[in-house]
Structures are given as C-alpha cells and as structure tokens.
C-alpha cells in the first residue's frame, strides 16, 4: 500500500456539471503538471484563458517535452 499524502486543491470555479476545476498540489508541487510532464495526461486547449499565462506556458512546455520523448499517452 502506498503511503498517504496530504493534497490540497487550488480552485476558483465549478464547471457546468458541478465539478471542481483547479490544481492539485502536494507540498506546493503542481501534480496536474507532473502528470502532463510524465505523459499521463494532456492539456485541454479548449479553455486557454482558464490558466495564468505562466501556467499556460509551463503546461505547454511539459506536454511538448513528453510528446517529444514519447512518454505515456
């Protein structure tokens, strides 16, 4: 069994289905971006203004790197 870790969610809105839209953080590290970097998820480009400009660039760079290295998906 994996050890339990404390996570927080930084969110500001609910989507049209009532789901929380936000970043999952573990000790301040953006776990959403970690998943993209490892090829476990891709960014959703339909809502580019939902992120800060800094996050938008970081997520795009993480996805580009994962695709270049042919990681995950």
PDB file of N, CA and C in Angstrom:
ATOM      1  N   UNK A   1       0.838  -1.170   0.000  1.00  0.00           N
ATOM      2  CA  UNK A   1       0.000   0.000   0.000  1.00  0.00           C
ATOM      3  C   UNK A   1       0.893   1.247   0.000  1.00  0.00           C
ATOM      4  N   UNK A   2       0.496   2.226  -0.782  1.00  0.00           N
ATOM      5  CA  UNK A   2       1.255   3.472  -0.859  1.00  0.00           C
ATOM      6  C   UNK A   2       0.970   4.334   0.374  1.00  0.00           C
ATOM      7  N   UNK A   3       1.959   5.099   0.817  1.00  0.00           N
ATOM      8  CA  UNK A   3       1.725   5.983   1.968  1.00  0.00           C
ATOM      9  C   UNK A   3       0.721   7.080   1.615  1.00  0.00           C
ATOM     10  N   UNK A   4      -0.045   7.491   2.580  1.00  0.00           N
ATOM     11  CA  UNK A   4      -0.993   8.586   2.357  1.00  0.00           C
ATOM     12  C   UNK A   4      -0.240   9.910   2.342  1.00  0.00           C
ATOM     13  N   UNK A   5      -0.680  10.793   1.464  1.00  0.00           N
ATOM     14  CA  UNK A   5      -0.049  12.102   1.358  1.00  0.00           C
ATOM     15  C   UNK A   5      -1.132  13.168   1.373  1.00  0.00           C
ATOM     16  N   UNK A   6      -0.823  14.278   1.982  1.00  0.00           N
ATOM     17  CA  UNK A   6      -1.781  15.365   2.058  1.00  0.00           C
ATOM     18  C   UNK A   6      -1.754  16.160   0.757  1.00  0.00           C
ATOM     19  N   UNK A   7      -2.927  16.356   0.183  1.00  0.00           N
ATOM     20  CA  UNK A   7      -3.076  17.127  -1.042  1.00  0.00           C
ATOM     21  C   UNK A   7      -4.004  18.301  -0.778  1.00  0.00           C
ATOM     22  N   UNK A   8      -3.812  19.362  -1.526  1.00  0.00           N
ATOM     23  CA  UNK A   8      -4.734  20.485  -1.491  1.00  0.00           C
ATOM     24  C   UNK A   8      -5.167  20.769  -2.920  1.00  0.00           C
ATOM     25  N   UNK A   9      -6.303  21.400  -3.067  1.00  0.00           N
ATOM     26  CA  UNK A   9      -6.796  21.778  -4.391  1.00  0.00           C
ATOM     27  C   UNK A   9      -6.986  23.284  -4.411  1.00  0.00           C
ATOM     28  N   UNK A  10      -6.288  23.938  -5.313  1.00  0.00           N
ATOM     29  CA  UNK A  10      -6.413  25.375  -5.521  1.00  0.00           C
ATOM     30  C   UNK A  10      -7.439  25.552  -6.635  1.00  0.00           C
ATOM     31  N   UNK A  11      -8.636  26.002  -6.271  1.00  0.00           N
ATOM     32  CA  UNK A  11      -9.694  26.111  -7.279  1.00  0.00           C
ATOM     33  C   UNK A  11     -10.448  27.421  -7.132  1.00  0.00           C
ATOM     34  N   UNK A  12     -11.066  27.823  -8.228  1.00  0.00           N
ATOM     35  CA  UNK A  12     -11.805  29.075  -8.242  1.00  0.00           C
ATOM     36  C   UNK A  12     -13.181  28.939  -8.867  1.00  0.00           C
ATOM     37  N   UNK A  13     -13.494  27.759  -9.421  1.00  0.00           N
ATOM     38  CA  UNK A  13     -14.792  27.623 -10.075  1.00  0.00           C
ATOM     39  C   UNK A  13     -15.233  26.167 -10.140  1.00  0.00           C
ATOM     40  N   UNK A  14     -16.503  26.008 -10.458  1.00  0.00           N
ATOM     41  CA  UNK A  14     -17.075  24.705 -10.761  1.00  0.00           C
ATOM     42  C   UNK A  14     -17.430  24.716 -12.243  1.00  0.00           C
ATOM     43  N   UNK A  15     -17.299  23.567 -12.906  1.00  0.00           N
ATOM     44  CA  UNK A  15     -17.691  23.515 -14.312  1.00  0.00           C
ATOM     45  C   UNK A  15     -19.211  23.367 -14.415  1.00  0.00           C
ATOM     46  N   UNK A  16     -19.708  23.276 -15.618  1.00  0.00           N
ATOM     47  CA  UNK A  16     -21.161  23.231 -15.806  1.00  0.00           C
ATOM     48  C   UNK A  16     -21.802  21.981 -15.228  1.00  0.00           C
ATOM     49  N   UNK A  17     -21.006  20.983 -14.873  1.00  0.00           N
ATOM     50  CA  UNK A  17     -21.526  19.758 -14.261  1.00  0.00           C
ATOM     51  C   UNK A  17     -21.349  19.755 -12.747  1.00  0.00           C
ATOM     52  N   UNK A  18     -20.838  20.858 -12.206  1.00  0.00           N
ATOM     53  CA  UNK A  18     -20.653  20.971 -10.774  1.00  0.00           C
ATOM     54  C   UNK A  18     -19.334  20.405 -10.261  1.00  0.00           C
ATOM     55  N   UNK A  19     -18.408  20.094 -11.178  1.00  0.00           N
ATOM     56  CA  UNK A  19     -17.100  19.560 -10.773  1.00  0.00           C
ATOM     57  C   UNK A  19     -16.132  20.699 -10.474  1.00  0.00           C
ATOM     58  N   UNK A  20     -15.268  20.480  -9.511  1.00  0.00           N
ATOM     59  CA  UNK A  20     -14.247  21.461  -9.159  1.00  0.00           C
ATOM     60  C   UNK A  20     -13.199  21.518 -10.268  1.00  0.00           C
ATOM     61  N   UNK A  21     -12.851  22.729 -10.687  1.00  0.00           N
ATOM     62  CA  UNK A  21     -11.798  22.940 -11.680  1.00  0.00           C
ATOM     63  C   UNK A  21     -10.647  23.625 -10.957  1.00  0.00           C
ATOM     64  N   UNK A  22      -9.503  22.948 -10.870  1.00  0.00           N
ATOM     65  CA  UNK A  22      -8.385  23.539 -10.155  1.00  0.00           C
ATOM     66  C   UNK A  22      -7.122  22.717 -10.261  1.00  0.00           C
ATOM     67  N   UNK A  23      -6.111  23.141  -9.506  1.00  0.00           N
ATOM     68  CA  UNK A  23      -4.817  22.461  -9.475  1.00  0.00           C
ATOM     69  C   UNK A  23      -4.714  21.632  -8.205  1.00  0.00           C
ATOM     70  N   UNK A  24      -4.244  20.410  -8.346  1.00  0.00           N
ATOM     71  CA  UNK A  24      -3.969  19.553  -7.198  1.00  0.00           C
ATOM     72  C   UNK A  24      -2.512  19.781  -6.812  1.00  0.00           C
ATOM     73  N   UNK A  25      -2.300  20.116  -5.544  1.00  0.00           N
ATOM     74  CA  UNK A  25      -0.957  20.429  -5.062  1.00  0.00           C
ATOM     75  C   UNK A  25      -0.556  19.462  -3.952  1.00  0.00           C
ATOM     76  N   UNK A  26       0.685  19.008  -4.017  1.00  0.00           N
ATOM     77  CA  UNK A  26       1.267  18.197  -2.948  1.00  0.00           C
ATOM     78  C   UNK A  26       2.507  18.925  -2.475  1.00  0.00           C
ATOM     79  N   UNK A  27       2.474  19.422  -1.272  1.00  0.00           N
ATOM     80  CA  UNK A  27       3.569  20.215  -0.712  1.00  0.00           C
ATOM     81  C   UNK A  27       3.986  21.329  -1.675  1.00  0.00           C
ATOM     82  N   UNK A  28       3.004  21.986  -2.273  1.00  0.00           N
ATOM     83  CA  UNK A  28       3.256  23.100  -3.173  1.00  0.00           C
ATOM     84  C   UNK A  28       3.580  22.718  -4.602  1.00  0.00           C
ATOM     85  N   UNK A  29       3.758  21.434  -4.884  1.00  0.00           N
ATOM     86  CA  UNK A  29       4.088  20.991  -6.242  1.00  0.00           C
ATOM     87  C   UNK A  29       2.796  20.733  -7.021  1.00  0.00           C
ATOM     88  N   UNK A  30       2.714  21.257  -8.226  1.00  0.00           N
ATOM     89  CA  UNK A  30       1.547  21.123  -9.094  1.00  0.00           C
ATOM     90  C   UNK A  30       1.504  19.709  -9.677  1.00  0.00           C
ATOM     91  N   UNK A  31       0.664  18.871  -9.103  1.00  0.00           N
ATOM     92  CA  UNK A  31       0.596  17.474  -9.528  1.00  0.00           C
ATOM     93  C   UNK A  31      -0.085  17.315 -10.888  1.00  0.00           C
ATOM     94  N   UNK A  32      -0.917  18.276 -11.278  1.00  0.00           N
ATOM     95  CA  UNK A  32      -1.504  18.235 -12.624  1.00  0.00           C
ATOM     96  C   UNK A  32      -0.392  18.324 -13.671  1.00  0.00           C
ATOM     97  N   UNK A  33       0.522  19.274 -13.442  1.00  0.00           N
ATOM     98  CA  UNK A  33       1.621  19.461 -14.393  1.00  0.00           C
ATOM     99  C   UNK A  33       2.565  18.263 -14.379  1.00  0.00           C
ATOM    100  N   UNK A  34       2.756  17.641 -13.224  1.00  0.00           N
ATOM    101  CA  UNK A  34       3.587  16.438 -13.138  1.00  0.00           C
ATOM    102  C   UNK A  34       3.000  15.343 -14.031  1.00  0.00           C
ATOM    103  N   UNK A  35       1.676  15.187 -14.007  1.00  0.00           N
ATOM    104  CA  UNK A  35       1.036  14.175 -14.847  1.00  0.00           C
ATOM    105  C   UNK A  35       1.263  14.476 -16.332  1.00  0.00           C
ATOM    106  N   UNK A  36       1.148  15.740 -16.708  1.00  0.00           N
ATOM    107  CA  UNK A  36       1.378  16.120 -18.108  1.00  0.00           C
ATOM    108  C   UNK A  36       2.833  15.857 -18.483  1.00  0.00           C
ATOM    109  N   UNK A  37       3.755  16.229 -17.624  1.00  0.00           N
ATOM    110  CA  UNK A  37       5.188  16.044 -17.888  1.00  0.00           C
ATOM    111  C   UNK A  37       5.548  14.571 -18.075  1.00  0.00           C
ATOM    112  N   UNK A  38       4.873  13.691 -17.338  1.00  0.00           N
ATOM    113  CA  UNK A  38       5.136  12.254 -17.443  1.00  0.00           C
ATOM    114  C   UNK A  38       4.351  11.584 -18.567  1.00  0.00           C
ATOM    115  N   UNK A  39       3.538  12.356 -19.287  1.00  0.00           N
ATOM    116  CA  UNK A  39       2.756  11.794 -20.374  1.00  0.00           C
ATOM    117  C   UNK A  39       1.511  11.068 -19.905  1.00  0.00           C
ATOM    118  N   UNK A  40       1.107  11.297 -18.665  1.00  0.00           N
ATOM    119  CA  UNK A  40      -0.071  10.644 -18.090  1.00  0.00           C
ATOM    120  C   UNK A  40      -1.352  11.411 -18.417  1.00  0.00           C
ATOM    121  N   UNK A  41      -1.213  12.629 -18.932  1.00  0.00           N
ATOM    122  CA  UNK A  41      -2.350  13.474 -19.284  1.00  0.00           C
ATOM    123  C   UNK A  41      -1.871  14.505 -20.301  1.00  0.00           C
ATOM    124  N   UNK A  42      -2.804  15.009 -21.078  1.00  0.00           N
ATOM    125  CA  UNK A  42      -2.509  16.105 -21.996  1.00  0.00           C
ATOM    126  C   UNK A  42      -3.275  17.331 -21.539  1.00  0.00           C
ATOM    127  N   UNK A  43      -2.821  18.494 -21.972  1.00  0.00           N
ATOM    128  CA  UNK A  43      -3.523  19.724 -21.610  1.00  0.00           C
ATOM    129  C   UNK A  43      -4.812  19.830 -22.421  1.00  0.00           C
ATOM    130  N   UNK A  44      -5.777  20.516 -21.855  1.00  0.00           N
ATOM    131  CA  UNK A  44      -7.066  20.710 -22.525  1.00  0.00           C
ATOM    132  C   UNK A  44      -7.074  22.124 -23.084  1.00  0.00           C
ATOM    133  N   UNK A  45      -6.905  22.250 -24.386  1.00  0.00           N
ATOM    134  CA  UNK A  45      -6.684  23.559 -25.006  1.00  0.00           C
ATOM    135  C   UNK A  45      -7.965  24.342 -25.285  1.00  0.00           C
ATOM    136  N   UNK A  46      -9.125  23.783 -24.992  1.00  0.00           N
ATOM    137  CA  UNK A  46     -10.376  24.481 -25.278  1.00  0.00           C
ATOM    138  C   UNK A  46     -10.578  25.716 -24.398  1.00  0.00           C
ATOM    139  N   UNK A  47      -9.928  25.746 -23.236  1.00  0.00           N
ATOM    140  CA  UNK A  47     -10.088  26.864 -22.315  1.00  0.00           C
ATOM    141  C   UNK A  47      -8.741  27.465 -21.924  1.00  0.00           C
ATOM    142  N   UNK A  48      -8.035  28.065 -22.868  1.00  0.00           N
ATOM    143  CA  UNK A  48      -6.693  28.571 -22.564  1.00  0.00           C
ATOM    144  C   UNK A  48      -6.681  29.712 -21.559  1.00  0.00           C
ATOM    145  N   UNK A  49      -7.744  30.461 -21.436  1.00  0.00           N
ATOM    146  CA  UNK A  49      -7.758  31.600 -20.520  1.00  0.00           C
ATOM    147  C   UNK A  49      -8.099  31.193 -19.090  1.00  0.00           C
ATOM    148  N   UNK A  50      -8.322  29.924 -18.862  1.00  0.00           N
ATOM    149  CA  UNK A  50      -8.614  29.436 -17.519  1.00  0.00           C
ATOM    150  C   UNK A  50      -7.345  29.376 -16.667  1.00  0.00           C
ATOM    151  N   UNK A  51      -6.178  29.410 -17.297  1.00  0.00           N
ATOM    152  CA  UNK A  51      -4.898  29.339 -16.583  1.00  0.00           C
ATOM    153  C   UNK A  51      -4.218  30.692 -16.599  1.00  0.00           C
ATOM    154  N   UNK A  52      -3.294  30.859 -15.664  1.00  0.00           N
ATOM    155  CA  UNK A  52      -2.456  32.054 -15.715  1.00  0.00           C
ATOM    156  C   UNK A  52      -1.524  31.905 -16.916  1.00  0.00           C
ATOM    157  N   UNK A  53      -1.011  32.996 -17.446  1.00  0.00           N
ATOM    158  CA  UNK A  53      -0.056  32.884 -18.561  1.00  0.00           C
ATOM    159  C   UNK A  53       1.152  32.011 -18.207  1.00  0.00           C
ATOM    160  N   UNK A  54       1.646  32.128 -16.978  1.00  0.00           N
ATOM    161  CA  UNK A  54       2.789  31.328 -16.545  1.00  0.00           C
ATOM    162  C   UNK A  54       2.460  29.841 -16.568  1.00  0.00           C
ATOM    163  N   UNK A  55       1.299  29.482 -16.017  1.00  0.00           N
ATOM    164  CA  UNK A  55       0.884  28.073 -16.029  1.00  0.00           C
ATOM    165  C   UNK A  55       0.665  27.571 -17.458  1.00  0.00           C
ATOM    166  N   UNK A  56       0.072  28.410 -18.293  1.00  0.00           N
ATOM    167  CA  UNK A  56      -0.163  28.007 -19.675  1.00  0.00           C
ATOM    168  C   UNK A  56       1.119  27.615 -20.386  1.00  0.00           C
ATOM    169  N   UNK A  57       2.160  28.415 -20.207  1.00  0.00           N
ATOM    170  CA  UNK A  57       3.463  28.128 -20.815  1.00  0.00           C
ATOM    171  C   UNK A  57       4.076  26.873 -20.206  1.00  0.00           C
ATOM    172  N   UNK A  58       4.016  26.749 -18.880  1.00  0.00           N
ATOM    173  CA  UNK A  58       4.612  25.592 -18.198  1.00  0.00           C
ATOM    174  C   UNK A  58       3.936  24.289 -18.611  1.00  0.00           C
ATOM    175  N   UNK A  59       2.620  24.296 -18.706  1.00  0.00           N
ATOM    176  CA  UNK A  59       1.891  23.098 -19.115  1.00  0.00           C
ATOM    177  C   UNK A  59       2.187  22.752 -20.574  1.00  0.00           C
ATOM    178  N   UNK A  60       2.211  23.761 -21.443  1.00  0.00           N
ATOM    179  CA  UNK A  60       2.509  23.513 -22.859  1.00  0.00           C
ATOM    180  C   UNK A  60       3.918  22.953 -23.028  1.00  0.00           C
ATOM    181  N   UNK A  61       4.881  23.508 -22.293  1.00  0.00           N
ATOM    182  CA  UNK A  61       6.254  23.000 -22.353  1.00  0.00           C
ATOM    183  C   UNK A  61       6.333  21.557 -21.851  1.00  0.00           C
ATOM    184  N   UNK A  62       5.611  21.270 -20.764  1.00  0.00           N
ATOM    185  CA  UNK A  62       5.612  19.911 -20.204  1.00  0.00           C
ATOM    186  C   UNK A  62       5.038  18.912 -21.203  1.00  0.00           C
ATOM    187  N   UNK A  63       3.948  19.290 -21.869  1.00  0.00           N
ATOM    188  CA  UNK A  63       3.351  18.382 -22.858  1.00  0.00           C
ATOM    189  C   UNK A  63       4.265  18.195 -24.061  1.00  0.00           C
ATOM    190  N   UNK A  64       4.843  19.279 -24.525  1.00  0.00           N
ATOM    191  CA  UNK A  64       5.739  19.193 -25.679  1.00  0.00           C
ATOM    192  C   UNK A  64       6.917  18.261 -25.374  1.00  0.00           C
ATOM    193  N   UNK A  65       7.468  18.375 -24.176  1.00  0.00           N
ATOM    194  CA  UNK A  65       8.587  17.529 -23.775  1.00  0.00           C
ATOM    195  C   UNK A  65       8.156  16.055 -23.704  1.00  0.00           C
ATOM    196  N   UNK A  66       6.993  15.792 -23.116  1.00  0.00           N
ATOM    197  CA  UNK A  66       6.502  14.409 -23.004  1.00  0.00           C
ATOM    198  C   UNK A  66       6.259  13.808 -24.389  1.00  0.00           C
ATOM    199  N   UNK A  67       5.667  14.595 -25.284  1.00  0.00           N
ATOM    200  CA  UNK A  67       5.413  14.081 -26.645  1.00  0.00           C
ATOM    201  C   UNK A  67       6.724  13.824 -27.384  1.00  0.00           C
ATOM    202  N   UNK A  68       7.690  14.730 -27.236  1.00  0.00           N
ATOM    203  CA  UNK A  68       8.983  14.577 -27.892  1.00  0.00           C
ATOM    204  C   UNK A  68       9.685  13.310 -27.413  1.00  0.00           C
ATOM    205  N   UNK A  69       9.571  13.038 -26.108  1.00  0.00           N
ATOM    206  CA  UNK A  69      10.208  11.845 -25.536  1.00  0.00           C
ATOM    207  C   UNK A  69       9.339  10.588 -25.652  1.00  0.00           C
ATOM    208  N   UNK A  70       8.156  10.780 -26.267  1.00  0.00           N
ATOM    209  CA  UNK A  70       7.225   9.662 -26.474  1.00  0.00           C
ATOM    210  C   UNK A  70       6.870   8.960 -25.161  1.00  0.00           C
ATOM    211  N   UNK A  71       6.567   9.777 -24.142  1.00  0.00           N
ATOM    212  CA  UNK A  71       6.214   9.259 -22.834  1.00  0.00           C
ATOM    213  C   UNK A  71       4.709   9.035 -22.735  1.00  0.00           C
ATOM    214  N   UNK A  72       4.300   8.034 -22.010  1.00  0.00           N
ATOM    215  CA  UNK A  72       2.899   7.828 -21.661  1.00  0.00           C
ATOM    216  C   UNK A  72       1.968   7.733 -22.839  1.00  0.00           C
ATOM    217  N   UNK A  73       0.924   8.584 -22.802  1.00  0.00           N
ATOM    218  CA  UNK A  73      -0.105   8.543 -23.838  1.00  0.00           C
ATOM    219  C   UNK A  73       0.523   8.608 -25.178  1.00  0.00           C
TER     220      UNK A  73
END
